[in-house]
C-alpha atoms as a PDB file:
ATOM      1  CA  MET A   1     -10.947 208.158 -53.466  1.00  0.00           C
ATOM      2  CA  LEU A   2     -14.256 207.714 -51.665  1.00  0.00           C
ATOM      3  CA  THR A   3     -17.000 210.196 -52.472  1.00  0.00           C
ATOM      4  CA  LEU A   4     -19.377 211.391 -49.801  1.00  0.00           C
ATOM      5  CA  THR A   5     -22.939 211.841 -51.028  1.00  0.00           C
ATOM      6  CA  PHE A   6     -26.170 212.708 -49.243  1.00  0.00           C
ATOM      7  CA  ASN A   7     -27.586 209.201 -49.511  1.00  0.00           C
ATOM      8  CA  THR A   8     -24.659 207.745 -47.585  1.00  0.00           C
ATOM      9  CA  LEU A   9     -25.256 209.948 -44.554  1.00  0.00           C
ATOM     10  CA  ILE A  10     -26.776 208.332 -41.497  1.00  0.00           C
ATOM     11  CA  LYS A  11     -28.673 211.489 -40.612  1.00  0.00           C
ATOM     12  CA  PRO A  12     -28.825 214.916 -42.293  1.00  0.00           C
ATOM     13  CA  LEU A  13     -25.937 217.105 -41.169  1.00  0.00           C
ATOM     14  CA  GLY A  14     -25.541 220.835 -41.009  1.00  0.00           C
ATOM     15  CA  THR A  15     -24.610 222.432 -44.335  1.00  0.00           C
ATOM     16  CA  THR A  16     -21.294 223.788 -43.078  1.00  0.00           C
ATOM     17  CA  PHE A  17     -20.165 220.509 -41.598  1.00  0.00           C
ATOM     18  CA  LEU A  18     -21.279 218.580 -44.673  1.00  0.00           C
ATOM     19  CA  ALA A  19     -19.195 220.820 -46.891  1.00  0.00           C
ATOM     20  CA  LEU A  20     -16.161 220.314 -44.702  1.00  0.00           C
ATOM     21  CA  ALA A  21     -16.701 216.561 -44.578  1.00  0.00           C
ATOM     22  CA  LEU A  22     -17.100 216.385 -48.336  1.00  0.00           C
ATOM     23  CA  LEU A  23     -13.936 218.417 -48.851  1.00  0.00           C
ATOM     24  CA  ALA A  24     -11.958 216.195 -46.469  1.00  0.00           C
ATOM     25  CA  SER A  25     -13.275 213.060 -48.133  1.00  0.00           C
ATOM     26  CA  CYS A  26     -12.438 214.253 -51.625  1.00  0.00           C
ATOM     27  CA  GLN A  27      -8.941 215.282 -50.596  1.00  0.00           C
ATOM     28  CA  SER A  28      -8.218 211.891 -49.062  1.00  0.00           C
ATOM     29  CA  ASN A  29     -10.115 209.316 -47.096  1.00  0.00           C
ATOM     30  CA  LYS A  30      -6.838 207.768 -45.922  1.00  0.00           C
ATOM     31  CA  THR A  31      -4.134 209.134 -43.703  1.00  0.00           C
ATOM     32  CA  ASP A  32      -0.585 207.852 -43.694  1.00  0.00           C
ATOM     33  CA  GLY A  33       1.051 208.712 -40.414  1.00  0.00           C
ATOM     34  CA  ALA A  34       4.309 206.983 -41.216  1.00  0.00           C
ATOM     35  CA  SER A  35       6.894 207.970 -38.650  1.00  0.00           C
ATOM     36  CA  LYS A  36      10.202 209.107 -40.071  1.00  0.00           C
ATOM     37  CA  GLN A  37      11.903 208.524 -36.766  1.00  0.00           C
ATOM     38  CA  MET A  38      13.963 205.348 -36.663  1.00  0.00           C
ATOM     39  CA  VAL A  39      13.289 203.202 -33.641  1.00  0.00           C
ATOM     40  CA  HIS A  40      16.372 201.814 -31.916  1.00  0.00           C
ATOM     41  CA  ARG A  41      16.100 199.678 -28.837  1.00  0.00           C
ATOM     42  CA  GLU A  42      18.531 200.186 -26.002  1.00  0.00           C
ATOM     43  CA  PRO A  43      20.963 197.486 -24.807  1.00  0.00           C
ATOM     44  CA  GLY A  44      19.167 194.762 -22.927  1.00  0.00           C
ATOM     45  CA  GLN A  45      16.141 195.100 -25.180  1.00  0.00           C
ATOM     46  CA  ASP A  46      15.723 194.816 -28.951  1.00  0.00           C
ATOM     47  CA  THR A  47      18.630 196.249 -30.964  1.00  0.00           C
ATOM     48  CA  ILE A  48      17.021 196.345 -34.367  1.00  0.00           C
ATOM     49  CA  VAL A  49      16.247 199.470 -36.327  1.00  0.00           C
ATOM     50  CA  TYR A  50      12.924 199.853 -38.115  1.00  0.00           C
ATOM     51  CA  ARG A  51      10.261 202.440 -38.857  1.00  0.00           C
ATOM     52  CA  ASP A  52       6.798 202.328 -37.339  1.00  0.00           C
ATOM     53  CA  THR A  53       4.170 203.145 -39.969  1.00  0.00           C
ATOM     54  CA  THR A  54       0.542 204.049 -39.284  1.00  0.00           C
ATOM     55  CA  LEU A  55      -2.299 203.930 -41.818  1.00  0.00           C
ATOM     56  CA  GLN A  56      -5.776 205.177 -40.986  1.00  0.00           C
ATOM     57  CA  GLU A  57      -8.981 205.241 -43.025  1.00  0.00           C
ATOM     58  CA  PHE A  58     -12.368 206.747 -42.206  1.00  0.00           C
ATOM     59  CA  SER A  59     -15.837 205.719 -43.276  1.00  0.00           C
ATOM     60  CA  PRO A  60     -17.851 208.144 -45.457  1.00  0.00           C
ATOM     61  CA  TYR A  61     -20.907 207.300 -43.323  1.00  0.00           C
ATOM     62  CA  PHE A  62     -21.293 209.941 -40.621  1.00  0.00           C
ATOM     63  CA  THR A  63     -23.569 209.710 -37.602  1.00  0.00           C
ATOM     64  CA  GLU A  64     -24.923 212.552 -35.477  1.00  0.00           C
ATOM     65  CA  HIS A  65     -26.373 212.304 -31.996  1.00  0.00           C
ATOM     66  CA  GLU A  66     -27.124 215.146 -29.592  1.00  0.00           C
ATOM     67  CA  GLY A  67     -24.996 217.507 -31.634  1.00  0.00           C
ATOM     68  CA  LYS A  68     -21.981 215.193 -31.756  1.00  0.00           C
ATOM     69  CA  ILE A  69     -20.592 213.969 -35.071  1.00  0.00           C
ATOM     70  CA  ASP A  70     -18.838 210.609 -35.328  1.00  0.00           C
ATOM     71  CA  THR A  71     -17.688 208.172 -37.988  1.00  0.00           C
ATOM     72  CA  SER A  72     -16.168 204.717 -38.129  1.00  0.00           C
ATOM     73  CA  TYR A  73     -12.468 204.193 -38.760  1.00  0.00           C
ATOM     74  CA  VAL A  74      -9.753 201.572 -38.992  1.00  0.00           C
ATOM     75  CA  LYS A  75      -6.138 202.133 -37.988  1.00  0.00           C
ATOM     76  CA  VAL A  76      -3.135 199.877 -38.587  1.00  0.00           C
ATOM     77  CA  THR A  77       0.351 200.389 -37.142  1.00  0.00           C
ATOM     78  CA  TYR A  78       3.220 198.093 -38.087  1.00  0.00           C
ATOM     79  CA  PRO A  79       7.037 198.035 -38.331  1.00  0.00           C
ATOM     80  CA  VAL A  80       8.769 198.471 -41.684  1.00  0.00           C
ATOM     81  CA  PHE A  81      12.207 196.929 -42.129  1.00  0.00           C
ATOM     82  CA  GLN A  82      14.784 197.310 -44.856  1.00  0.00           C
ATOM     83  CA  ASP A  83      14.580 193.555 -45.425  1.00  0.00           C
ATOM     84  CA  SER A  84      11.572 192.837 -47.682  1.00  0.00           C
ATOM     85  CA  ASN A  85      11.339 189.256 -46.387  1.00  0.00           C
ATOM     86  CA  MET A  86      10.853 190.534 -42.850  1.00  0.00           C
ATOM     87  CA  ASN A  87       8.145 192.869 -44.129  1.00  0.00           C
ATOM     88  CA  LYS A  88       6.366 189.837 -45.590  1.00  0.00           C
ATOM     89  CA  LEU A  89       6.372 188.255 -42.131  1.00  0.00           C
ATOM     90  CA  VAL A  90       4.833 191.421 -40.719  1.00  0.00           C
ATOM     91  CA  GLN A  91       2.058 191.339 -43.315  1.00  0.00           C
ATOM     92  CA  GLU A  92       1.383 187.682 -42.509  1.00  0.00           C
ATOM     93  CA  ASN A  93       0.587 188.833 -38.984  1.00  0.00           C
ATOM     94  CA  ILE A  94      -2.040 191.250 -40.291  1.00  0.00           C
ATOM     95  CA  LEU A  95      -3.530 189.480 -43.329  1.00  0.00           C
ATOM     96  CA  PHE A  96      -4.260 186.119 -41.712  1.00  0.00           C
ATOM     97  CA  ASP A  97      -7.777 186.008 -43.212  1.00  0.00           C
ATOM     98  CA  GLY A  98      -6.363 185.893 -46.727  1.00  0.00           C
ATOM     99  CA  GLU A  99      -6.547 189.568 -47.679  1.00  0.00           C
ATOM    100  CA  PRO A 100      -4.138 190.461 -50.518  1.00  0.00           C
ATOM    101  CA  ASP A 101      -2.929 193.685 -48.867  1.00  0.00           C
ATOM    102  CA  ILE A 102      -3.433 196.025 -45.915  1.00  0.00           C
ATOM    103  CA  ALA A 103      -5.665 198.359 -47.951  1.00  0.00           C
ATOM    104  CA  THR A 104      -8.107 195.477 -48.481  1.00  0.00           C
ATOM    105  CA  TYR A 105      -7.900 194.558 -44.794  1.00  0.00           C
ATOM    106  CA  MET A 106      -8.911 198.104 -43.867  1.00  0.00           C
ATOM    107  CA  GLY A 107     -11.508 198.420 -46.603  1.00  0.00           C
ATOM    108  CA  ASN A 108     -13.261 195.185 -45.619  1.00  0.00           C
ATOM    109  CA  PHE A 109     -13.946 196.508 -42.138  1.00  0.00           C
ATOM    110  CA  LEU A 110     -15.356 199.806 -43.375  1.00  0.00           C
ATOM    111  CA  GLU A 111     -17.376 198.029 -46.045  1.00  0.00           C
ATOM    112  CA  GLY A 112     -18.877 195.864 -43.318  1.00  0.00           C
ATOM    113  CA  TYR A 113     -19.976 198.984 -41.462  1.00  0.00           C
ATOM    114  CA  GLY A 114     -21.425 200.517 -44.634  1.00  0.00           C
ATOM    115  CA  ASN A 115     -23.418 197.354 -45.348  1.00  0.00           C
ATOM    116  CA  PHE A 116     -24.672 197.304 -41.763  1.00  0.00           C
ATOM    117  CA  VAL A 117     -25.905 200.892 -42.043  1.00  0.00           C
ATOM    118  CA  GLU A 118     -27.645 200.387 -45.375  1.00  0.00           C
ATOM    119  CA  GLU A 119     -29.267 197.072 -44.470  1.00  0.00           C
ATOM    120  CA  ASN A 120     -30.607 198.079 -41.042  1.00  0.00           C
ATOM    121  CA  ASP A 121     -33.112 200.757 -40.109  1.00  0.00           C
ATOM    122  CA  ILE A 122     -31.327 202.315 -37.140  1.00  0.00           C
ATOM    123  CA  ASN A 123     -31.924 205.936 -36.176  1.00  0.00           C
ATOM    124  CA  VAL A 124     -28.611 206.449 -34.403  1.00  0.00           C
ATOM    125  CA  PRO A 125     -26.116 203.720 -35.360  1.00  0.00           C
ATOM    126  CA  LEU A 126     -22.967 203.593 -33.281  1.00  0.00           C
ATOM    127  CA  ALA A 127     -19.675 204.265 -35.019  1.00  0.00           C
ATOM    128  CA  TRP A 128     -17.383 201.253 -35.302  1.00  0.00           C
ATOM    129  CA  PHE A 129     -13.617 201.210 -35.034  1.00  0.00           C
ATOM    130  CA  LYS A 130     -10.768 198.773 -35.408  1.00  0.00           C
ATOM    131  CA  VAL A 131      -7.175 199.262 -34.284  1.00  0.00           C
ATOM    132  CA  THR A 132      -4.383 196.826 -35.160  1.00  0.00           C
ATOM    133  CA  GLU A 133      -0.843 197.240 -33.841  1.00  0.00           C
ATOM    134  CA  VAL A 134       1.959 194.876 -34.840  1.00  0.00           C
ATOM    135  CA  SER A 135       5.078 195.178 -32.699  1.00  0.00           C
ATOM    136  CA  VAL A 136       8.468 193.520 -32.364  1.00  0.00           C
ATOM    137  CA  GLY A 137       8.863 191.502 -29.203  1.00  0.00           C
ATOM    138  CA  THR A 138      12.088 189.614 -28.559  1.00  0.00           C
ATOM    139  CA  TYR A 139      14.646 190.045 -31.321  1.00  0.00           C
ATOM    140  CA  THR A 140      18.070 188.576 -32.092  1.00  0.00           C
ATOM    141  CA  PRO A 141      19.757 188.287 -35.492  1.00  0.00           C
ATOM    142  CA  GLU A 142      18.457 184.704 -35.651  1.00  0.00           C
ATOM    143  CA  ILE A 143      14.999 184.868 -34.120  1.00  0.00           C
ATOM    144  CA  MET A 144      12.149 187.353 -33.741  1.00  0.00           C
ATOM    145  CA  LEU A 145       8.803 187.483 -31.951  1.00  0.00           C
ATOM    146  CA  LEU A 146       6.029 189.487 -33.631  1.00  0.00           C
ATOM    147  CA  LYS A 147       2.879 190.474 -31.735  1.00  0.00           C
ATOM    148  CA  ASN A 148      -0.405 191.568 -33.290  1.00  0.00           C
ATOM    149  CA  PHE A 149      -2.737 193.380 -30.884  1.00  0.00           C
ATOM    150  CA  THR A 150      -6.167 194.100 -32.369  1.00  0.00           C
ATOM    151  CA  TYR A 151      -9.130 195.796 -30.733  1.00  0.00           C
ATOM    152  CA  ASP A 152     -12.395 196.345 -32.551  1.00  0.00           C
ATOM    153  CA  PHE A 153     -15.850 197.579 -31.720  1.00  0.00           C
ATOM    154  CA  SER A 154     -18.701 196.533 -33.982  1.00  0.00           C
ATOM    155  CA  GLY A 155     -21.602 197.312 -31.696  1.00  0.00           C
ATOM    156  CA  GLY A 156     -22.706 195.419 -28.616  1.00  0.00           C
ATOM    157  CA  ALA A 157     -21.928 195.926 -24.958  1.00  0.00           C
ATOM    158  CA  HIS A 158     -18.178 196.267 -25.482  1.00  0.00           C
ATOM    159  CA  GLY A 159     -15.411 195.817 -27.998  1.00  0.00           C
ATOM    160  CA  ASN A 160     -13.269 192.744 -28.416  1.00  0.00           C
ATOM    161  CA  SER A 161      -9.518 192.338 -28.425  1.00  0.00           C
ATOM    162  CA  PHE A 162      -6.975 189.648 -29.101  1.00  0.00           C
ATOM    163  CA  GLU A 163      -3.234 189.200 -29.437  1.00  0.00           C
ATOM    164  CA  LEU A 164      -1.564 186.940 -31.982  1.00  0.00           C
ATOM    165  CA  TRP A 165       2.054 185.922 -31.300  1.00  0.00           C
ATOM    166  CA  ASN A 166       4.401 184.300 -33.796  1.00  0.00           C
ATOM    167  CA  VAL A 167       8.075 183.325 -33.442  1.00  0.00           C
ATOM    168  CA  TYR A 168      10.235 183.354 -36.592  1.00  0.00           C
ATOM    169  CA  ASP A 169      13.603 182.021 -37.665  1.00  0.00           C
ATOM    170  CA  LEU A 170      15.192 184.976 -39.476  1.00  0.00           C
ATOM    171  CA  LYS A 171      17.721 182.927 -41.421  1.00  0.00           C
ATOM    172  CA  ASN A 172      14.998 180.949 -43.174  1.00  0.00           C
ATOM    173  CA  TYR A 173      12.086 183.381 -42.659  1.00  0.00           C
ATOM    174  CA  ARG A 174       9.854 180.643 -41.301  1.00  0.00           C
ATOM    175  CA  LYS A 175       7.456 180.439 -38.394  1.00  0.00           C
ATOM    176  CA  LEU A 176       8.570 178.203 -35.537  1.00  0.00           C
ATOM    177  CA  PRO A 177       5.900 176.030 -33.871  1.00  0.00           C
ATOM    178  CA  LEU A 178       6.207 175.206 -30.180  1.00  0.00           C
ATOM    179  CA  ASN A 179       7.594 171.737 -30.946  1.00  0.00           C
ATOM    180  CA  THR A 180      10.665 173.463 -32.373  1.00  0.00           C
ATOM    181  CA  PHE A 181      11.598 174.089 -28.746  1.00  0.00           C
ATOM    182  CA  ILE A 182       9.733 171.367 -26.849  1.00  0.00           C
ATOM    183  CA  SER A 183      10.023 167.682 -27.813  1.00  0.00           C
ATOM    184  CA  GLU A 184       6.723 166.064 -28.757  1.00  0.00           C
ATOM    185  CA  ASN A 185       7.407 163.146 -26.424  1.00  0.00           C
ATOM    186  CA  LYS A 186       8.065 165.605 -23.588  1.00  0.00           C
ATOM    187  CA  MET A 187       5.005 167.810 -24.186  1.00  0.00           C
ATOM    188  CA  LYS A 188       2.948 166.232 -21.391  1.00  0.00           C
ATOM    189  CA  GLU A 189       5.796 166.699 -18.933  1.00  0.00           C
ATOM    190  CA  PHE A 190       6.274 170.276 -20.127  1.00  0.00           C
ATOM    191  CA  THR A 191       2.541 170.981 -19.699  1.00  0.00           C
ATOM    192  CA  LYS A 192       2.647 169.706 -16.104  1.00  0.00           C
ATOM    193  CA  ILE A 193       5.536 172.039 -15.338  1.00  0.00           C
ATOM    194  CA  ALA A 194       3.669 174.919 -16.988  1.00  0.00           C
ATOM    195  CA  GLU A 195       0.588 174.127 -14.889  1.00  0.00           C
ATOM    196  CA  LYS A 196       2.708 174.317 -11.735  1.00  0.00           C
ATOM    197  CA  PHE A 197       3.819 177.861 -12.630  1.00  0.00           C
ATOM    198  CA  PHE A 198       0.250 178.775 -13.618  1.00  0.00           C
ATOM    199  CA  ARG A 199      -1.104 177.650 -10.252  1.00  0.00           C
ATOM    200  CA  GLU A 200       1.621 179.583  -8.426  1.00  0.00           C
ATOM    201  CA  ASP A 201       0.851 182.740 -10.418  1.00  0.00           C
ATOM    202  CA  GLU A 202      -2.886 182.371  -9.773  1.00  0.00           C
ATOM    203  CA  GLY A 203      -2.434 181.605  -6.065  1.00  0.00           C
ATOM    204  CA  LEU A 204      -3.904 178.114  -6.406  1.00  0.00           C
ATOM    205  CA  THR A 205      -3.015 174.918  -4.607  1.00  0.00           C
ATOM    206  CA  ASP A 206      -1.994 171.733  -6.423  1.00  0.00           C
ATOM    207  CA  THR A 207      -5.514 170.354  -5.961  1.00  0.00           C
ATOM    208  CA  THR A 208      -7.652 173.428  -6.692  1.00  0.00           C
ATOM    209  CA  ASP A 209     -10.347 172.585  -9.240  1.00  0.00           C
ATOM    210  CA  LEU A 210      -9.670 174.473 -12.496  1.00  0.00           C
ATOM    211  CA  GLU A 211     -13.176 173.876 -13.819  1.00  0.00           C
ATOM    212  CA  LYS A 212     -14.922 176.208 -11.368  1.00  0.00           C
ATOM    213  CA  ASP A 213     -13.276 179.573 -12.127  1.00  0.00           C
ATOM    214  CA  TYR A 214     -11.621 178.889 -15.478  1.00  0.00           C
ATOM    215  CA  PHE A 215     -12.688 177.812 -18.953  1.00  0.00           C
ATOM    216  CA  PHE A 216     -10.335 174.832 -19.228  1.00  0.00           C
ATOM    217  CA  GLU A 217     -12.258 171.959 -20.785  1.00  0.00           C
ATOM    218  CA  ASP A 218     -13.136 169.383 -18.110  1.00  0.00           C
ATOM    219  CA  GLY A 219     -10.931 171.372 -15.724  1.00  0.00           C
ATOM    220  CA  ILE A 220      -7.750 170.151 -17.430  1.00  0.00           C
ATOM    221  CA  PHE A 221      -4.975 172.737 -17.813  1.00  0.00           C
ATOM    222  CA  THR A 222      -3.941 173.439 -21.411  1.00  0.00           C
ATOM    223  CA  LEU A 223      -1.304 175.656 -22.957  1.00  0.00           C
ATOM    224  CA  ALA A 224      -2.292 178.825 -24.791  1.00  0.00           C
ATOM    225  CA  ALA A 225      -1.996 178.788 -28.570  1.00  0.00           C
ATOM    226  CA  ASN A 226       0.075 181.966 -28.317  1.00  0.00           C
ATOM    227  CA  TYR A 227       3.637 181.368 -27.231  1.00  0.00           C
ATOM    228  CA  GLY A 228       6.693 183.584 -27.323  1.00  0.00           C
ATOM    229  CA  ILE A 229      10.293 183.650 -26.191  1.00  0.00           C
ATOM    230  CA  THR A 230      12.264 186.134 -24.098  1.00  0.00           C
ATOM    231  CA  LYS A 231      15.894 186.175 -23.046  1.00  0.00           C
ATOM    232  CA  ASP A 232      15.109 183.856 -20.114  1.00  0.00           C
ATOM    233  CA  SER A 233      11.620 182.334 -20.526  1.00  0.00           C
ATOM    234  CA  ILE A 234       9.061 180.690 -22.753  1.00  0.00           C
ATOM    235  CA  VAL A 235       5.906 182.787 -22.462  1.00  0.00           C
ATOM    236  CA  PHE A 236       2.265 181.850 -23.100  1.00  0.00           C
ATOM    237  CA  HIS A 237      -0.462 184.428 -23.626  1.00  0.00           C
ATOM    238  CA  TYR A 238      -4.170 183.694 -23.095  1.00  0.00           C
ATOM    239  CA  ASN A 239      -6.602 186.097 -24.763  1.00  0.00           C
ATOM    240  CA  PRO A 240      -9.864 187.287 -23.167  1.00  0.00           C
ATOM    241  CA  TYR A 241     -12.499 184.522 -23.002  1.00  0.00           C
ATOM    242  CA  GLU A 242      -9.816 181.875 -23.613  1.00  0.00           C
ATOM    243  CA  ILE A 243      -9.589 180.703 -20.005  1.00  0.00           C
ATOM    244  CA  LYS A 244     -11.303 183.516 -18.066  1.00  0.00           C
ATOM    245  CA  PRO A 245     -14.309 185.846 -18.418  1.00  0.00           C
ATOM    246  CA  TYR A 246     -13.881 189.037 -20.449  1.00  0.00           C
ATOM    247  CA  ALA A 247     -13.730 191.169 -17.300  1.00  0.00           C
ATOM    248  CA  ALA A 248     -10.697 189.205 -16.090  1.00  0.00           C
ATOM    249  CA  GLY A 249      -8.672 190.323 -19.111  1.00  0.00           C
ATOM    250  CA  THR A 250      -5.623 188.507 -20.411  1.00  0.00           C
ATOM    251  CA  THR A 251      -3.275 186.058 -18.702  1.00  0.00           C
ATOM    252  CA  THR A 252       0.447 185.771 -19.406  1.00  0.00           C
ATOM    253  CA  LEU A 253       2.421 182.792 -18.141  1.00  0.00           C
ATOM    254  CA  GLN A 254       6.241 182.795 -18.014  1.00  0.00           C
ATOM    255  CA  ILE A 255       8.204 179.548 -17.679  1.00  0.00           C
ATOM    256  CA  PRO A 256      11.965 179.913 -17.086  1.00  0.00           C
ATOM    257  CA  TYR A 257      14.156 177.975 -19.507  1.00  0.00           C
ATOM    258  CA  GLU A 258      16.019 176.415 -16.608  1.00  0.00           C
ATOM    259  CA  ALA A 259      12.821 174.718 -15.432  1.00  0.00           C
ATOM    260  CA  VAL A 260      12.189 172.932 -18.735  1.00  0.00           C
ATOM    261  CA  MET A 261      15.606 172.245 -20.272  1.00  0.00           C
ATOM    262  CA  ASP A 262      14.986 168.490 -20.016  1.00  0.00           C
ATOM    263  CA  CYS A 263      11.909 168.924 -22.216  1.00  0.00           C
ATOM    264  CA  MET A 264      13.670 170.823 -24.981  1.00  0.00           C
ATOM    265  CA  THR A 265      14.781 169.631 -28.378  1.00  0.00           C
ATOM    266  CA  GLN A 266      18.411 170.107 -29.344  1.00  0.00           C
ATOM    267  CA  THR A 267      17.260 172.686 -31.882  1.00  0.00           C
ATOM    268  CA  GLY A 268      15.416 174.522 -29.126  1.00  0.00           C
ATOM    269  CA  LYS A 269      18.477 174.467 -26.892  1.00  0.00           C
ATOM    270  CA  ASN A 270      20.557 175.882 -29.745  1.00  0.00           C
ATOM    271  CA  TYR A 271      18.118 178.769 -30.202  1.00  0.00           C
ATOM    272  CA  ILE A 272      18.060 179.465 -26.464  1.00  0.00           C
ATOM    273  CA  ASN A 273      21.863 179.486 -26.288  1.00  0.00           C
ATOM    274  CA  GLU A 274      21.991 182.000 -29.160  1.00  0.00           C
ATOM    275  CA  ILE A 275      19.394 184.179 -27.446  1.00  0.00           C
ATOM    276  CA  LYS A 276      21.348 184.189 -24.184  1.00  0.00           C
ATOM    277  CA  LYS A 277      24.625 184.941 -25.965  1.00  0.00           C
ATOM    278  CA  TYR A 278      23.038 187.801 -27.863  1.00  0.00           C
ATOM    279  CA  PHE A 279      21.539 189.504 -24.830  1.00  0.00           C
ATOM    280  CA  THR A 280      24.770 189.030 -22.894  1.00  0.00           C
ATOM    281  CA  SER A 281      26.713 190.666 -25.727  1.00  0.00           C
ATOM    282  CA  ILE A 282      24.547 193.830 -25.754  1.00  0.00           C
ATOM    283  CA  GLN A 283      24.396 194.417 -22.014  1.00  0.00           C
END
């Protein structure tokens, strides 16, 4: 339980509001908005059942400006499965900085805000916030794509966001790198094919210089670190600032399996066949 005291306030607050804030803080600084509704995807999409859980925690440091009260918060939403091993995979997609649990992940952000307030003489500090949402992308009984979308604001002109994608083998509960699907000795050929689809999506010719309007090093096209799989494509996701300015947002590139079958490993082809069979069976 976090205790709200006068010396942790950014600015003095009205007596009535302070009493209410203190009462709320003493009752609980955390909210658990766990949904009891089971999520079931319709045929043609995911057909796995899980529960979406939301945890939210507020900072005890309040700020007041022009009569408006605000405070920093962190919110995490993630799926909960019956299989504990799958839940471990979900946590891996949240705790990638080595935190032992989600409570620590949330607390670290709020502690950072508290330290910022105490160490800086700012009359009206802006409230921070951080929102993390982990969702299930493509799912079959053998393979699953997990996506972590995180947006945080810690001052500055605007917030920052990123997505982290990971593909997992559900029989062995292990993350699958891209070379599970694409042969190492075919990676250059695969990249050239991907560049062709990228140029088509961006409305570029085969000779358009990629160095002028994109952040590719030396103007050479490269694959995004984030890759995923769908029922018919390998997908790459570029985060803001990765290849374009922040204002341009994200870029998602889809490459049909049929266009790159010659570049695939036998293991990759086996996974793709299972994916196609699965989605055909649930249509």
